[in-house]
Amino acid sequence: MKKRVLTLILALAMAASLAAPAAAAPAAYDFSAGELTAAADKESLTGGVFADSYIATFGELTKRTGSDGAVKSVEVGKNGASGFTFTAGGAADVRVEFSSTGGSNTSTVGLWDAQGALVPHNEG
C-alpha cells in the first residue's frame, strides 16, 4: 500500500511539473533614432515615448539628420539636462549605444536607478 501511495505521489508530482508552463522568454524592447522623422536637422524632441512606454525622453533632446534628411542620432543635454528613461517592473538588461562627435568632446555616460543612484558597470 505504501508503495502505491508513493508511486501515486511521484506520478502526480511529475505530471504537475510537466503541466507547469515553461518560463517565457524575456521581452525585448527596441528603440533606434532611425525610427524618428524630422522636418529639419536639429529639430527638438520632447515628451517622446517608445517601445510600449518602456523607453521615454526627459528634457529637450535634439534630432540630428544626415544629408538624406533621415534621423541618424539624438543628442542629449549636458550634465543630465535631458536623456532617456528605461522603465522595467523588475530586473532588466539594458543595452545602449553611444557615440561622440569628435576628439575634442568628453562624454560621460551612465545609467541611474529610480532612486537616482548610478548603476555600477557589470560587464567584463
PDB file of N, CA and C in Angstrom:
ATOM      1  N   MET A   1       0.820  -1.192   0.000  1.00  0.00           N
ATOM      2  CA  MET A   1       0.000   0.000   0.000  1.00  0.00           C
ATOM      3  C   MET A   1       0.865   1.257   0.000  1.00  0.00           C
ATOM      4  N   LYS A   2       1.934   1.268   0.872  1.00  0.00           N
ATOM      5  CA  LYS A   2       2.815   2.420   0.937  1.00  0.00           C
ATOM      6  C   LYS A   2       3.487   2.661  -0.414  1.00  0.00           C
ATOM      7  N   LYS A   3       3.829   1.561  -1.085  1.00  0.00           N
ATOM      8  CA  LYS A   3       4.490   1.670  -2.383  1.00  0.00           C
ATOM      9  C   LYS A   3       3.559   2.327  -3.402  1.00  0.00           C
ATOM     10  N   ARG A   4       2.265   1.968  -3.401  1.00  0.00           N
ATOM     11  CA  ARG A   4       1.296   2.539  -4.340  1.00  0.00           C
ATOM     12  C   ARG A   4       1.097   4.028  -4.072  1.00  0.00           C
ATOM     13  N   VAL A   5       1.018   4.411  -2.791  1.00  0.00           N
ATOM     14  CA  VAL A   5       0.828   5.823  -2.446  1.00  0.00           C
ATOM     15  C   VAL A   5       2.038   6.627  -2.900  1.00  0.00           C
ATOM     16  N   LEU A   6       3.244   6.114  -2.639  1.00  0.00           N
ATOM     17  CA  LEU A   6       4.462   6.795  -3.057  1.00  0.00           C
ATOM     18  C   LEU A   6       4.516   6.910  -4.574  1.00  0.00           C
ATOM     19  N   THR A   7       4.154   5.843  -5.283  1.00  0.00           N
ATOM     20  CA  THR A   7       4.129   5.869  -6.737  1.00  0.00           C
ATOM     21  C   THR A   7       3.126   6.891  -7.236  1.00  0.00           C
ATOM     22  N   LEU A   8       1.961   6.963  -6.600  1.00  0.00           N
ATOM     23  CA  LEU A   8       0.941   7.924  -6.988  1.00  0.00           C
ATOM     24  C   LEU A   8       1.426   9.351  -6.744  1.00  0.00           C
ATOM     25  N   ILE A   9       2.068   9.592  -5.608  1.00  0.00           N
ATOM     26  CA  ILE A   9       2.589  10.931  -5.293  1.00  0.00           C
ATOM     27  C   ILE A   9       3.654  11.331  -6.314  1.00  0.00           C
ATOM     28  N   LEU A  10       4.568  10.422  -6.624  1.00  0.00           N
ATOM     29  CA  LEU A  10       5.610  10.712  -7.617  1.00  0.00           C
ATOM     30  C   LEU A  10       5.004  10.974  -8.995  1.00  0.00           C
ATOM     31  N   ALA A  11       3.984  10.193  -9.363  1.00  0.00           N
ATOM     32  CA  ALA A  11       3.333  10.389 -10.659  1.00  0.00           C
ATOM     33  C   ALA A  11       2.642  11.747 -10.719  1.00  0.00           C
ATOM     34  N   LEU A  12       1.975  12.136  -9.634  1.00  0.00           N
ATOM     35  CA  LEU A  12       1.314  13.452  -9.600  1.00  0.00           C
ATOM     36  C   LEU A  12       2.332  14.588  -9.647  1.00  0.00           C
ATOM     37  N   ALA A  13       3.439  14.424  -8.945  1.00  0.00           N
ATOM     38  CA  ALA A  13       4.480  15.453  -8.966  1.00  0.00           C
ATOM     39  C   ALA A  13       5.067  15.599 -10.367  1.00  0.00           C
ATOM     40  N   MET A  14       5.297  14.483 -11.047  1.00  0.00           N
ATOM     41  CA  MET A  14       5.825  14.523 -12.407  1.00  0.00           C
ATOM     42  C   MET A  14       4.821  15.183 -13.349  1.00  0.00           C
ATOM     43  N   ALA A  15       3.553  14.830 -13.224  1.00  0.00           N
ATOM     44  CA  ALA A  15       2.523  15.419 -14.084  1.00  0.00           C
ATOM     45  C   ALA A  15       2.428  16.914 -13.840  1.00  0.00           C
ATOM     46  N   ALA A  16       2.534  17.330 -12.592  1.00  0.00           N
ATOM     47  CA  ALA A  16       2.464  18.760 -12.274  1.00  0.00           C
ATOM     48  C   ALA A  16       3.647  19.502 -12.873  1.00  0.00           C
ATOM     49  N   SER A  17       4.831  18.897 -12.819  1.00  0.00           N
ATOM     50  CA  SER A  17       5.993  19.572 -13.384  1.00  0.00           C
ATOM     51  C   SER A  17       5.911  19.639 -14.899  1.00  0.00           C
ATOM     52  N   LEU A  18       5.337  18.637 -15.525  1.00  0.00           N
ATOM     53  CA  LEU A  18       5.187  18.663 -16.979  1.00  0.00           C
ATOM     54  C   LEU A  18       4.106  19.635 -17.405  1.00  0.00           C
ATOM     55  N   ALA A  19       3.100  19.810 -16.574  1.00  0.00           N
ATOM     56  CA  ALA A  19       1.996  20.699 -16.920  1.00  0.00           C
ATOM     57  C   ALA A  19       2.329  22.160 -16.645  1.00  0.00           C
ATOM     58  N   ALA A  20       3.343  22.412 -15.822  1.00  0.00           N
ATOM     59  CA  ALA A  20       3.704  23.792 -15.500  1.00  0.00           C
ATOM     60  C   ALA A  20       4.203  24.479 -16.761  1.00  0.00           C
ATOM     61  N   PRO A  21       3.757  25.696 -16.999  1.00  0.00           N
ATOM     62  CA  PRO A  21       4.200  26.400 -18.205  1.00  0.00           C
ATOM     63  C   PRO A  21       5.688  26.718 -18.127  1.00  0.00           C
ATOM     64  N   ALA A  22       6.328  26.622 -19.254  1.00  0.00           N
ATOM     65  CA  ALA A  22       7.743  26.959 -19.324  1.00  0.00           C
ATOM     66  C   ALA A  22       7.892  28.460 -19.132  1.00  0.00           C
ATOM     67  N   ALA A  23       9.001  28.861 -18.575  1.00  0.00           N
ATOM     68  CA  ALA A  23       9.252  30.284 -18.381  1.00  0.00           C
ATOM     69  C   ALA A  23       9.299  30.974 -19.741  1.00  0.00           C
ATOM     70  N   ALA A  24       8.587  32.073 -19.833  1.00  0.00           N
ATOM     71  CA  ALA A  24       8.545  32.822 -21.088  1.00  0.00           C
ATOM     72  C   ALA A  24       9.888  33.515 -21.319  1.00  0.00           C
ATOM     73  N   ALA A  25      10.263  33.612 -22.562  1.00  0.00           N
ATOM     74  CA  ALA A  25      11.480  34.330 -22.905  1.00  0.00           C
ATOM     75  C   ALA A  25      11.284  35.798 -22.549  1.00  0.00           C
ATOM     76  N   PRO A  26      12.329  36.446 -22.067  1.00  0.00           N
ATOM     77  CA  PRO A  26      12.174  37.852 -21.705  1.00  0.00           C
ATOM     78  C   PRO A  26      11.815  38.690 -22.932  1.00  0.00           C
ATOM     79  N   ALA A  27      10.967  39.673 -22.711  1.00  0.00           N
ATOM     80  CA  ALA A  27      10.569  40.559 -23.804  1.00  0.00           C
ATOM     81  C   ALA A  27      11.717  41.502 -24.127  1.00  0.00           C
ATOM     82  N   ALA A  28      11.855  41.851 -25.360  1.00  0.00           N
ATOM     83  CA  ALA A  28      12.874  42.802 -25.794  1.00  0.00           C
ATOM     84  C   ALA A  28      12.159  44.032 -26.365  1.00  0.00           C
ATOM     85  N   TYR A  29      12.605  45.187 -25.942  1.00  0.00           N
ATOM     86  CA  TYR A  29      12.029  46.436 -26.422  1.00  0.00           C
ATOM     87  C   TYR A  29      13.149  47.251 -27.037  1.00  0.00           C
ATOM     88  N   ASP A  30      12.938  47.666 -28.263  1.00  0.00           N
ATOM     89  CA  ASP A  30      13.986  48.359 -29.002  1.00  0.00           C
ATOM     90  C   ASP A  30      13.559  49.769 -29.370  1.00  0.00           C
ATOM     91  N   PHE A  31      14.546  50.643 -29.433  1.00  0.00           N
ATOM     92  CA  PHE A  31      14.347  51.983 -29.964  1.00  0.00           C
ATOM     93  C   PHE A  31      15.607  52.366 -30.710  1.00  0.00           C
ATOM     94  N   SER A  32      15.432  52.920 -31.882  1.00  0.00           N
ATOM     95  CA  SER A  32      16.545  53.415 -32.685  1.00  0.00           C
ATOM     96  C   SER A  32      16.208  54.824 -33.145  1.00  0.00           C
ATOM     97  N   ALA A  33      17.183  55.707 -33.106  1.00  0.00           N
ATOM     98  CA  ALA A  33      16.954  57.072 -33.581  1.00  0.00           C
ATOM     99  C   ALA A  33      16.458  57.068 -35.025  1.00  0.00           C
ATOM    100  N   GLY A  34      16.839  56.049 -35.790  1.00  0.00           N
ATOM    101  CA  GLY A  34      16.405  55.946 -37.184  1.00  0.00           C
ATOM    102  C   GLY A  34      14.906  55.775 -37.351  1.00  0.00           C
ATOM    103  N   GLU A  35      14.177  55.441 -36.259  1.00  0.00           N
ATOM    104  CA  GLU A  35      12.719  55.328 -36.322  1.00  0.00           C
ATOM    105  C   GLU A  35      12.035  56.696 -36.335  1.00  0.00           C
ATOM    106  N   LEU A  36      12.770  57.735 -35.933  1.00  0.00           N
ATOM    107  CA  LEU A  36      12.197  59.077 -35.846  1.00  0.00           C
ATOM    108  C   LEU A  36      12.188  59.762 -37.203  1.00  0.00           C
ATOM    109  N   THR A  37      11.367  60.761 -37.322  1.00  0.00           N
ATOM    110  CA  THR A  37      11.369  61.614 -38.508  1.00  0.00           C
ATOM    111  C   THR A  37      11.609  63.049 -38.059  1.00  0.00           C
ATOM    112  N   ALA A  38      12.102  63.867 -38.963  1.00  0.00           N
ATOM    113  CA  ALA A  38      12.353  65.275 -38.649  1.00  0.00           C
ATOM    114  C   ALA A  38      12.150  66.103 -39.906  1.00  0.00           C
ATOM    115  N   ALA A  39      11.587  67.288 -39.730  1.00  0.00           N
ATOM    116  CA  ALA A  39      11.416  68.211 -40.852  1.00  0.00           C
ATOM    117  C   ALA A  39      12.744  68.851 -41.230  1.00  0.00           C
ATOM    118  N   ALA A  40      13.650  68.957 -40.252  1.00  0.00           N
ATOM    119  CA  ALA A  40      14.961  69.558 -40.497  1.00  0.00           C
ATOM    120  C   ALA A  40      15.939  69.079 -39.427  1.00  0.00           C
ATOM    121  N   ASP A  41      17.233  69.274 -39.708  1.00  0.00           N
ATOM    122  CA  ASP A  41      18.259  68.934 -38.739  1.00  0.00           C
ATOM    123  C   ASP A  41      18.084  69.799 -37.491  1.00  0.00           C
ATOM    124  N   LYS A  42      18.427  69.272 -36.353  1.00  0.00           N
ATOM    125  CA  LYS A  42      18.373  69.939 -35.053  1.00  0.00           C
ATOM    126  C   LYS A  42      16.948  70.218 -34.585  1.00  0.00           C
ATOM    127  N   GLU A  43      15.990  69.430 -35.073  1.00  0.00           N
ATOM    128  CA  GLU A  43      14.617  69.543 -34.587  1.00  0.00           C
ATOM    129  C   GLU A  43      14.560  69.032 -33.149  1.00  0.00           C
ATOM    130  N   SER A  44      13.762  69.688 -32.322  1.00  0.00           N
ATOM    131  CA  SER A  44      13.627  69.328 -30.913  1.00  0.00           C
ATOM    132  C   SER A  44      12.808  68.050 -30.741  1.00  0.00           C
ATOM    133  N   LEU A  45      13.169  67.271 -29.733  1.00  0.00           N
ATOM    134  CA  LEU A  45      12.406  66.081 -29.354  1.00  0.00           C
ATOM    135  C   LEU A  45      12.113  66.188 -27.862  1.00  0.00           C
ATOM    136  N   THR A  46      10.848  66.329 -27.524  1.00  0.00           N
ATOM    137  CA  THR A  46      10.436  66.371 -26.118  1.00  0.00           C
ATOM    138  C   THR A  46       9.239  65.453 -25.941  1.00  0.00           C
ATOM    139  N   GLY A  47       9.135  64.867 -24.782  1.00  0.00           N
ATOM    140  CA  GLY A  47       7.975  64.020 -24.469  1.00  0.00           C
ATOM    141  C   GLY A  47       7.840  62.770 -25.309  1.00  0.00           C
ATOM    142  N   GLY A  48       8.938  62.258 -25.830  1.00  0.00           N
ATOM    143  CA  GLY A  48       8.878  61.046 -26.646  1.00  0.00           C
ATOM    144  C   GLY A  48       8.681  59.809 -25.790  1.00  0.00           C
ATOM    145  N   VAL A  49       7.814  58.909 -26.244  1.00  0.00           N
ATOM    146  CA  VAL A  49       7.583  57.637 -25.568  1.00  0.00           C
ATOM    147  C   VAL A  49       7.675  56.538 -26.627  1.00  0.00           C
ATOM    148  N   PHE A  50       8.474  55.518 -26.342  1.00  0.00           N
ATOM    149  CA  PHE A  50       8.752  54.483 -27.332  1.00  0.00           C
ATOM    150  C   PHE A  50       8.680  53.100 -26.691  1.00  0.00           C
ATOM    151  N   ALA A  51       8.685  52.072 -27.537  1.00  0.00           N
ATOM    152  CA  ALA A  51       8.783  50.666 -27.102  1.00  0.00           C
ATOM    153  C   ALA A  51       7.749  50.350 -26.029  1.00  0.00           C
ATOM    154  N   ASP A  52       6.485  50.550 -26.362  1.00  0.00           N
ATOM    155  CA  ASP A  52       5.384  50.248 -25.433  1.00  0.00           C
ATOM    156  C   ASP A  52       5.552  50.943 -24.087  1.00  0.00           C
ATOM    157  N   SER A  53       6.040  52.166 -24.111  1.00  0.00           N
ATOM    158  CA  SER A  53       6.238  53.022 -22.924  1.00  0.00           C
ATOM    159  C   SER A  53       7.369  52.563 -22.006  1.00  0.00           C
ATOM    160  N   TYR A  54       8.219  51.649 -22.438  1.00  0.00           N
ATOM    161  CA  TYR A  54       9.359  51.242 -21.627  1.00  0.00           C
ATOM    162  C   TYR A  54      10.521  52.226 -21.777  1.00  0.00           C
ATOM    163  N   ILE A  55      10.522  52.993 -22.837  1.00  0.00           N
ATOM    164  CA  ILE A  55      11.570  53.982 -23.078  1.00  0.00           C
ATOM    165  C   ILE A  55      10.893  55.328 -23.306  1.00  0.00           C
ATOM    166  N   ALA A  56      11.391  56.354 -22.632  1.00  0.00           N
ATOM    167  CA  ALA A  56      10.819  57.695 -22.782  1.00  0.00           C
ATOM    168  C   ALA A  56      11.941  58.723 -22.703  1.00  0.00           C
ATOM    169  N   THR A  57      11.640  59.937 -23.132  1.00  0.00           N
ATOM    170  CA  THR A  57      12.620  61.013 -23.051  1.00  0.00           C
ATOM    171  C   THR A  57      12.283  61.922 -21.878  1.00  0.00           C
ATOM    172  N   PHE A  58      13.284  62.625 -21.386  1.00  0.00           N
ATOM    173  CA  PHE A  58      13.047  63.717 -20.438  1.00  0.00           C
ATOM    174  C   PHE A  58      13.892  64.899 -20.883  1.00  0.00           C
ATOM    175  N   GLY A  59      13.406  66.089 -20.600  1.00  0.00           N
ATOM    176  CA  GLY A  59      14.099  67.288 -21.043  1.00  0.00           C
ATOM    177  C   GLY A  59      13.959  67.452 -22.551  1.00  0.00           C
ATOM    178  N   GLU A  60      14.814  68.284 -23.112  1.00  0.00           N
ATOM    179  CA  GLU A  60      14.766  68.541 -24.559  1.00  0.00           C
ATOM    180  C   GLU A  60      15.976  67.918 -25.234  1.00  0.00           C
ATOM    181  N   LEU A  61      15.701  66.996 -26.146  1.00  0.00           N
ATOM    182  CA  LEU A  61      16.746  66.357 -26.932  1.00  0.00           C
ATOM    183  C   LEU A  61      16.737  66.970 -28.329  1.00  0.00           C
ATOM    184  N   THR A  62      17.757  66.681 -29.112  1.00  0.00           N
ATOM    185  CA  THR A  62      17.862  67.233 -30.458  1.00  0.00           C
ATOM    186  C   THR A  62      18.049  66.106 -31.467  1.00  0.00           C
ATOM    187  N   LYS A  63      17.176  66.070 -32.479  1.00  0.00           N
ATOM    188  CA  LYS A  63      17.313  65.081 -33.553  1.00  0.00           C
ATOM    189  C   LYS A  63      18.365  65.580 -34.526  1.00  0.00           C
ATOM    190  N   ARG A  64      19.251  64.692 -34.942  1.00  0.00           N
ATOM    191  CA  ARG A  64      20.272  65.030 -35.930  1.00  0.00           C
ATOM    192  C   ARG A  64      20.038  64.191 -37.178  1.00  0.00           C
ATOM    193  N   THR A  65      20.035  64.852 -38.317  1.00  0.00           N
ATOM    194  CA  THR A  65      19.764  64.169 -39.581  1.00  0.00           C
ATOM    195  C   THR A  65      21.028  64.092 -40.427  1.00  0.00           C
ATOM    196  N   GLY A  66      21.018  63.152 -41.344  1.00  0.00           N
ATOM    197  CA  GLY A  66      22.095  63.026 -42.311  1.00  0.00           C
ATOM    198  C   GLY A  66      21.765  63.845 -43.552  1.00  0.00           C
ATOM    199  N   SER A  67      22.612  63.776 -44.543  1.00  0.00           N
ATOM    200  CA  SER A  67      22.404  64.535 -45.776  1.00  0.00           C
ATOM    201  C   SER A  67      21.147  64.090 -46.517  1.00  0.00           C
ATOM    202  N   ASP A  68      20.673  62.879 -46.228  1.00  0.00           N
ATOM    203  CA  ASP A  68      19.451  62.381 -46.857  1.00  0.00           C
ATOM    204  C   ASP A  68      18.183  62.817 -46.115  1.00  0.00           C
ATOM    205  N   GLY A  69      18.344  63.541 -45.011  1.00  0.00           N
ATOM    206  CA  GLY A  69      17.194  64.025 -44.245  1.00  0.00           C
ATOM    207  C   GLY A  69      16.676  63.042 -43.207  1.00  0.00           C
ATOM    208  N   ALA A  70      17.204  61.825 -43.191  1.00  0.00           N
ATOM    209  CA  ALA A  70      16.766  60.826 -42.204  1.00  0.00           C
ATOM    210  C   ALA A  70      17.455  61.081 -40.864  1.00  0.00           C
ATOM    211  N   VAL A  71      16.737  60.837 -39.782  1.00  0.00           N
ATOM    212  CA  VAL A  71      17.320  60.995 -38.447  1.00  0.00           C
ATOM    213  C   VAL A  71      18.360  59.903 -38.235  1.00  0.00           C
ATOM    214  N   LYS A  72      19.562  60.313 -37.872  1.00  0.00           N
ATOM    215  CA  LYS A  72      20.675  59.379 -37.657  1.00  0.00           C
ATOM    216  C   LYS A  72      21.022  59.228 -36.183  1.00  0.00           C
ATOM    217  N   SER A  73      20.730  60.270 -35.381  1.00  0.00           N
ATOM    218  CA  SER A  73      21.087  60.222 -33.970  1.00  0.00           C
ATOM    219  C   SER A  73      20.240  61.226 -33.197  1.00  0.00           C
ATOM    220  N   VAL A  74      20.348  61.129 -31.878  1.00  0.00           N
ATOM    221  CA  VAL A  74      19.675  62.059 -30.977  1.00  0.00           C
ATOM    222  C   VAL A  74      20.724  62.566 -29.995  1.00  0.00           C
ATOM    223  N   GLU A  75      20.810  63.882 -29.857  1.00  0.00           N
ATOM    224  CA  GLU A  75      21.740  64.473 -28.903  1.00  0.00           C
ATOM    225  C   GLU A  75      21.031  64.684 -27.579  1.00  0.00           C
ATOM    226  N   VAL A  76      21.698  64.286 -26.513  1.00  0.00           N
ATOM    227  CA  VAL A  76      21.157  64.521 -25.176  1.00  0.00           C
ATOM    228  C   VAL A  76      21.816  65.757 -24.588  1.00  0.00           C
ATOM    229  N   GLY A  77      21.168  66.341 -23.591  1.00  0.00           N
ATOM    230  CA  GLY A  77      21.681  67.562 -22.970  1.00  0.00           C
ATOM    231  C   GLY A  77      22.886  67.320 -22.085  1.00  0.00           C
ATOM    232  N   LYS A  78      23.634  68.360 -21.859  1.00  0.00           N
ATOM    233  CA  LYS A  78      24.817  68.286 -20.994  1.00  0.00           C
ATOM    234  C   LYS A  78      24.403  68.171 -19.540  1.00  0.00           C
ATOM    235  N   ASN A  79      25.258  67.521 -18.770  1.00  0.00           N
ATOM    236  CA  ASN A  79      25.090  67.417 -17.317  1.00  0.00           C
ATOM    237  C   ASN A  79      23.743  66.854 -16.895  1.00  0.00           C
ATOM    238  N   GLY A  80      23.218  65.912 -17.671  1.00  0.00           N
ATOM    239  CA  GLY A  80      21.971  65.253 -17.291  1.00  0.00           C
ATOM    240  C   GLY A  80      20.727  66.092 -17.490  1.00  0.00           C
ATOM    241  N   ALA A  81      20.815  67.161 -18.309  1.00  0.00           N
ATOM    242  CA  ALA A  81      19.657  68.033 -18.535  1.00  0.00           C
ATOM    243  C   ALA A  81      18.561  67.344 -19.335  1.00  0.00           C
ATOM    244  N   SER A  82      18.921  66.352 -20.123  1.00  0.00           N
ATOM    245  CA  SER A  82      17.940  65.604 -20.901  1.00  0.00           C
ATOM    246  C   SER A  82      18.520  64.234 -21.217  1.00  0.00           C
ATOM    247  N   GLY A  83      17.640  63.325 -21.592  1.00  0.00           N
ATOM    248  CA  GLY A  83      18.101  61.982 -21.908  1.00  0.00           C
ATOM    249  C   GLY A  83      16.940  61.028 -22.049  1.00  0.00           C
ATOM    250  N   PHE A  84      17.200  59.759 -21.800  1.00  0.00           N
ATOM    251  CA  PHE A  84      16.202  58.702 -21.928  1.00  0.00           C
ATOM    252  C   PHE A  84      15.997  58.018 -20.584  1.00  0.00           C
ATOM    253  N   THR A  85      14.773  57.584 -20.324  1.00  0.00           N
ATOM    254  CA  THR A  85      14.482  56.765 -19.157  1.00  0.00           C
ATOM    255  C   THR A  85      14.047  55.389 -19.647  1.00  0.00           C
ATOM    256  N   PHE A  86      14.394  54.374 -18.867  1.00  0.00           N
ATOM    257  CA  PHE A  86      14.026  52.994 -19.168  1.00  0.00           C
ATOM    258  C   PHE A  86      13.207  52.489 -17.985  1.00  0.00           C
ATOM    259  N   THR A  87      12.029  51.973 -18.248  1.00  0.00           N
ATOM    260  CA  THR A  87      11.150  51.501 -17.184  1.00  0.00           C
ATOM    261  C   THR A  87      11.025  49.991 -17.254  1.00  0.00           C
ATOM    262  N   ALA A  88      11.249  49.342 -16.126  1.00  0.00           N
ATOM    263  CA  ALA A  88      11.104  47.889 -16.047  1.00  0.00           C
ATOM    264  C   ALA A  88      10.456  47.553 -14.712  1.00  0.00           C
ATOM    265  N   GLY A  89       9.664  46.499 -14.691  1.00  0.00           N
ATOM    266  CA  GLY A  89       8.985  46.087 -13.474  1.00  0.00           C
ATOM    267  C   GLY A  89       9.845  45.248 -12.551  1.00  0.00           C
ATOM    268  N   GLY A  90      11.039  44.954 -12.940  1.00  0.00           N
ATOM    269  CA  GLY A  90      11.951  44.135 -12.139  1.00  0.00           C
ATOM    270  C   GLY A  90      13.340  44.251 -12.717  1.00  0.00           C
ATOM    271  N   ALA A  91      14.126  43.225 -12.539  1.00  0.00           N
ATOM    272  CA  ALA A  91      15.476  43.230 -13.092  1.00  0.00           C
ATOM    273  C   ALA A  91      15.397  43.276 -14.614  1.00  0.00           C
ATOM    274  N   ALA A  92      16.323  43.985 -15.224  1.00  0.00           N
ATOM    275  CA  ALA A  92      16.318  44.109 -16.679  1.00  0.00           C
ATOM    276  C   ALA A  92      17.737  44.303 -17.191  1.00  0.00           C
ATOM    277  N   ASP A  93      17.968  43.861 -18.388  1.00  0.00           N
ATOM    278  CA  ASP A  93      19.219  44.148 -19.077  1.00  0.00           C
ATOM    279  C   ASP A  93      18.943  45.305 -20.018  1.00  0.00           C
ATOM    280  N   VAL A  94      19.782  46.327 -19.964  1.00  0.00           N
ATOM    281  CA  VAL A  94      19.640  47.483 -20.837  1.00  0.00           C
ATOM    282  C   VAL A  94      20.908  47.571 -21.674  1.00  0.00           C
ATOM    283  N   ARG A  95      20.732  47.568 -22.984  1.00  0.00           N
ATOM    284  CA  ARG A  95      21.866  47.730 -23.887  1.00  0.00           C
ATOM    285  C   ARG A  95      21.662  49.024 -24.655  1.00  0.00           C
ATOM    286  N   VAL A  96      22.657  49.862 -24.637  1.00  0.00           N
ATOM    287  CA  VAL A  96      22.574  51.145 -25.332  1.00  0.00           C
ATOM    288  C   VAL A  96      23.844  51.358 -26.134  1.00  0.00           C
ATOM    289  N   GLU A  97      23.732  52.173 -27.152  1.00  0.00           N
ATOM    290  CA  GLU A  97      24.894  52.510 -27.974  1.00  0.00           C
ATOM    291  C   GLU A  97      25.055  54.012 -27.954  1.00  0.00           C
ATOM    292  N   PHE A  98      26.249  54.464 -27.625  1.00  0.00           N
ATOM    293  CA  PHE A  98      26.543  55.884 -27.576  1.00  0.00           C
ATOM    294  C   PHE A  98      27.719  56.178 -28.476  1.00  0.00           C
ATOM    295  N   SER A  99      27.773  57.395 -28.968  1.00  0.00           N
ATOM    296  CA  SER A  99      28.945  57.830 -29.726  1.00  0.00           C
ATOM    297  C   SER A  99      29.167  59.304 -29.456  1.00  0.00           C
ATOM    298  N   SER A 100      30.351  59.758 -29.750  1.00  0.00           N
ATOM    299  CA  SER A 100      30.689  61.159 -29.577  1.00  0.00           C
ATOM    300  C   SER A 100      31.006  61.749 -30.941  1.00  0.00           C
ATOM    301  N   THR A 101      30.882  63.051 -31.052  1.00  0.00           N
ATOM    302  CA  THR A 101      31.036  63.688 -32.363  1.00  0.00           C
ATOM    303  C   THR A 101      32.461  64.057 -32.719  1.00  0.00           C
ATOM    304  N   GLY A 102      33.387  63.926 -31.813  1.00  0.00           N
ATOM    305  CA  GLY A 102      34.748  64.267 -32.188  1.00  0.00           C
ATOM    306  C   GLY A 102      35.732  64.089 -31.064  1.00  0.00           C
ATOM    307  N   GLY A 103      36.997  64.239 -31.377  1.00  0.00           N
ATOM    308  CA  GLY A 103      38.066  64.043 -30.414  1.00  0.00           C
ATOM    309  C   GLY A 103      38.141  65.114 -29.345  1.00  0.00           C
ATOM    310  N   SER A 104      37.546  66.284 -29.583  1.00  0.00           N
ATOM    311  CA  SER A 104      37.634  67.356 -28.589  1.00  0.00           C
ATOM    312  C   SER A 104      36.520  67.255 -27.543  1.00  0.00           C
ATOM    313  N   ASN A 105      35.581  66.359 -27.743  1.00  0.00           N
ATOM    314  CA  ASN A 105      34.470  66.207 -26.802  1.00  0.00           C
ATOM    315  C   ASN A 105      34.796  65.132 -25.769  1.00  0.00           C
ATOM    316  N   THR A 106      34.396  65.386 -24.544  1.00  0.00           N
ATOM    317  CA  THR A 106      34.494  64.380 -23.497  1.00  0.00           C
ATOM    318  C   THR A 106      33.081  64.060 -23.065  1.00  0.00           C
ATOM    319  N   SER A 107      32.711  62.816 -23.153  1.00  0.00           N
ATOM    320  CA  SER A 107      31.351  62.409 -22.818  1.00  0.00           C
ATOM    321  C   SER A 107      31.386  61.384 -21.694  1.00  0.00           C
ATOM    322  N   THR A 108      30.563  61.607 -20.686  1.00  0.00           N
ATOM    323  CA  THR A 108      30.388  60.651 -19.605  1.00  0.00           C
ATOM    324  C   THR A 108      28.983  60.100 -19.726  1.00  0.00           C
ATOM    325  N   VAL A 109      28.867  58.794 -19.672  1.00  0.00           N
ATOM    326  CA  VAL A 109      27.574  58.142 -19.852  1.00  0.00           C
ATOM    327  C   VAL A 109      27.331  57.241 -18.656  1.00  0.00           C
ATOM    328  N   GLY A 110      26.084  57.189 -18.210  1.00  0.00           N
ATOM    329  CA  GLY A 110      25.757  56.306 -17.104  1.00  0.00           C
ATOM    330  C   GLY A 110      24.274  56.008 -17.067  1.00  0.00           C
ATOM    331  N   LEU A 111      23.923  55.013 -16.278  1.00  0.00           N
ATOM    332  CA  LEU A 111      22.523  54.670 -16.017  1.00  0.00           C
ATOM    333  C   LEU A 111      22.272  54.893 -14.535  1.00  0.00           C
ATOM    334  N   TRP A 112      21.157  55.542 -14.220  1.00  0.00           N
ATOM    335  CA  TRP A 112      20.788  55.787 -12.838  1.00  0.00           C
ATOM    336  C   TRP A 112      19.527  55.012 -12.524  1.00  0.00           C
ATOM    337  N   ASP A 113      19.437  54.489 -11.309  1.00  0.00           N
ATOM    338  CA  ASP A 113      18.237  53.758 -10.915  1.00  0.00           C
ATOM    339  C   ASP A 113      17.143  54.732 -10.467  1.00  0.00           C
ATOM    340  N   ALA A 114      15.993  54.197 -10.078  1.00  0.00           N
ATOM    341  CA  ALA A 114      14.842  55.019  -9.714  1.00  0.00           C
ATOM    342  C   ALA A 114      15.134  55.927  -8.513  1.00  0.00           C
ATOM    343  N   GLN A 115      16.103  55.555  -7.685  1.00  0.00           N
ATOM    344  CA  GLN A 115      16.447  56.376  -6.524  1.00  0.00           C
ATOM    345  C   GLN A 115      17.524  57.415  -6.844  1.00  0.00           C
ATOM    346  N   GLY A 116      17.994  57.451  -8.091  1.00  0.00           N
ATOM    347  CA  GLY A 116      18.992  58.415  -8.500  1.00  0.00           C
ATOM    348  C   GLY A 116      20.424  57.983  -8.290  1.00  0.00           C
ATOM    349  N   ALA A 117      20.631  56.718  -7.967  1.00  0.00           N
ATOM    350  CA  ALA A 117      21.985  56.197  -7.766  1.00  0.00           C
ATOM    351  C   ALA A 117      22.537  55.650  -9.085  1.00  0.00           C
ATOM    352  N   LEU A 118      23.802  55.943  -9.350  1.00  0.00           N
ATOM    353  CA  LEU A 118      24.458  55.441 -10.549  1.00  0.00           C
ATOM    354  C   LEU A 118      24.554  53.923 -10.478  1.00  0.00           C
ATOM    355  N   VAL A 119      24.124  53.240 -11.526  1.00  0.00           N
ATOM    356  CA  VAL A 119      24.170  51.784 -11.579  1.00  0.00           C
ATOM    357  C   VAL A 119      25.590  51.371 -11.955  1.00  0.00           C
ATOM    358  N   PRO A 120      26.222  50.485 -11.158  1.00  0.00           N
ATOM    359  CA  PRO A 120      27.607  50.089 -11.463  1.00  0.00           C
ATOM    360  C   PRO A 120      27.707  49.311 -12.773  1.00  0.00           C
ATOM    361  N   HIS A 121      28.792  49.500 -13.442  1.00  0.00           N
ATOM    362  CA  HIS A 121      29.092  48.783 -14.681  1.00  0.00           C
ATOM    363  C   HIS A 121      29.292  47.314 -14.339  1.00  0.00           C
ATOM    364  N   ASN A 122      28.622  46.405 -15.077  1.00  0.00           N
ATOM    365  CA  ASN A 122      28.718  44.980 -14.737  1.00  0.00           C
ATOM    366  C   ASN A 122      29.208  44.109 -15.875  1.00  0.00           C
ATOM    367  N   GLU A 123      29.825  44.702 -16.884  1.00  0.00           N
ATOM    368  CA  GLU A 123      30.369  43.898 -17.979  1.00  0.00           C
ATOM    369  C   GLU A 123      31.868  43.753 -17.793  1.00  0.00           C
ATOM    370  N   GLY A 124      32.408  42.705 -18.414  1.00  0.00           N
ATOM    371  CA  GLY A 124      33.845  42.423 -18.285  1.00  0.00           C
ATOM    372  C   GLY A 124      34.708  43.341 -18.984  1.00  0.00           C
TER     373      GLY A 124
END
